[in-house]
Amino acid sequence: MSHPWPTDNPPLGSIAQVTDLQKLLTAKGYSLGAADGVIGAMTRAAIRAYQKDQHLPPDGYASTVLLESLRR
């Protein structure tokens, strides 16, 4: 199922941001394999698990809002 990207929550714009997101997820205990800067199935699953644990909609989007949430 496809959904339009939320305009108030832009996607991550660089490989460095995605790698940072992956490292933060791993540090918080969410397994996703290597932090390679690619948003694959394992990264999306880790994002959804984090979102569920934080009582956020588990959409799997790698967004700037998600990255900021992980940095807190």
Protein backbone atom coordinates (compact mmCIF):
# COMPACT_ATOMS: atom_id res chain seq x y z
CA MET A 1 0.00 0.00 0.00
CA SER A 2 1.39 3.39 -0.99
CA HIS A 3 0.81 6.66 0.80
CA PRO A 4 1.89 10.17 -0.21
CA TRP A 5 4.83 11.57 1.74
CA PRO A 6 3.69 13.93 4.52
CA THR A 7 4.59 17.49 3.51
CA ASP A 8 5.18 18.62 7.11
CA ASN A 9 7.60 15.76 7.75
CA PRO A 10 10.14 15.66 4.89
CA PRO A 11 12.15 12.53 4.09
CA LEU A 12 15.82 12.37 4.96
CA GLY A 13 17.83 14.03 2.24
CA SER A 14 21.26 12.42 2.45
CA ILE A 15 23.04 9.11 2.91
CA ALA A 16 24.69 10.62 6.01
CA GLN A 17 21.29 11.31 7.58
CA VAL A 18 20.09 7.77 6.82
CA THR A 19 23.30 6.31 8.26
CA ASP A 20 22.85 8.44 11.39
CA LEU A 21 19.25 7.22 11.70
CA GLN A 22 20.40 3.61 11.36
CA LYS A 23 23.14 4.03 13.97
CA LEU A 24 20.70 5.63 16.41
CA LEU A 25 18.16 2.84 15.91
CA THR A 26 20.89 0.23 16.49
CA ALA A 27 22.10 2.05 19.64
CA LYS A 28 18.54 1.94 20.98
CA GLY A 29 18.37 -1.83 20.41
CA TYR A 30 16.58 -2.04 17.06
CA SER A 31 18.27 -4.61 14.83
CA LEU A 32 18.63 -3.62 11.19
CA GLY A 33 21.95 -5.05 10.01
CA ALA A 34 24.72 -2.74 8.85
CA ALA A 35 24.34 1.05 8.89
CA ASP A 36 24.85 1.42 5.14
CA GLY A 37 22.82 4.53 4.33
CA VAL A 38 20.22 2.52 2.42
CA ILE A 39 16.61 2.31 3.59
CA GLY A 40 15.84 -1.33 2.98
CA ALA A 41 13.36 -3.78 4.45
CA MET A 42 15.31 -4.25 7.71
CA THR A 43 15.62 -0.50 8.29
CA ARG A 44 11.90 0.01 7.64
CA ALA A 45 11.08 -2.81 10.07
CA ALA A 46 13.31 -1.21 12.73
CA ILE A 47 11.68 2.17 12.11
CA ARG A 48 8.20 0.65 12.50
CA ALA A 49 9.22 -1.12 15.72
CA TYR A 50 10.60 2.14 17.15
CA GLN A 51 7.48 4.03 16.09
CA LYS A 52 5.23 1.44 17.74
CA ASP A 53 7.27 1.58 20.96
CA GLN A 54 6.98 5.38 20.95
CA HIS A 55 3.22 5.26 20.27
CA LEU A 56 3.71 6.86 16.85
CA PRO A 57 1.97 5.78 13.65
CA PRO A 58 4.10 2.87 12.40
CA ASP A 59 4.44 4.10 8.81
CA GLY A 60 8.11 3.16 8.35
CA TYR A 61 8.99 6.60 6.92
CA ALA A 62 12.58 7.71 7.46
CA SER A 63 11.82 11.37 8.11
CA THR A 64 13.49 14.37 9.69
CA VAL A 65 10.97 14.25 12.55
CA LEU A 66 11.86 10.60 13.22
CA LEU A 67 15.58 11.41 13.19
CA GLU A 68 15.05 14.23 15.70
CA SER A 69 13.00 11.89 17.91
CA LEU A 70 15.85 9.37 17.93
CA ARG A 71 18.39 12.07 18.83
CA ARG A 72 16.51 12.96 22.05
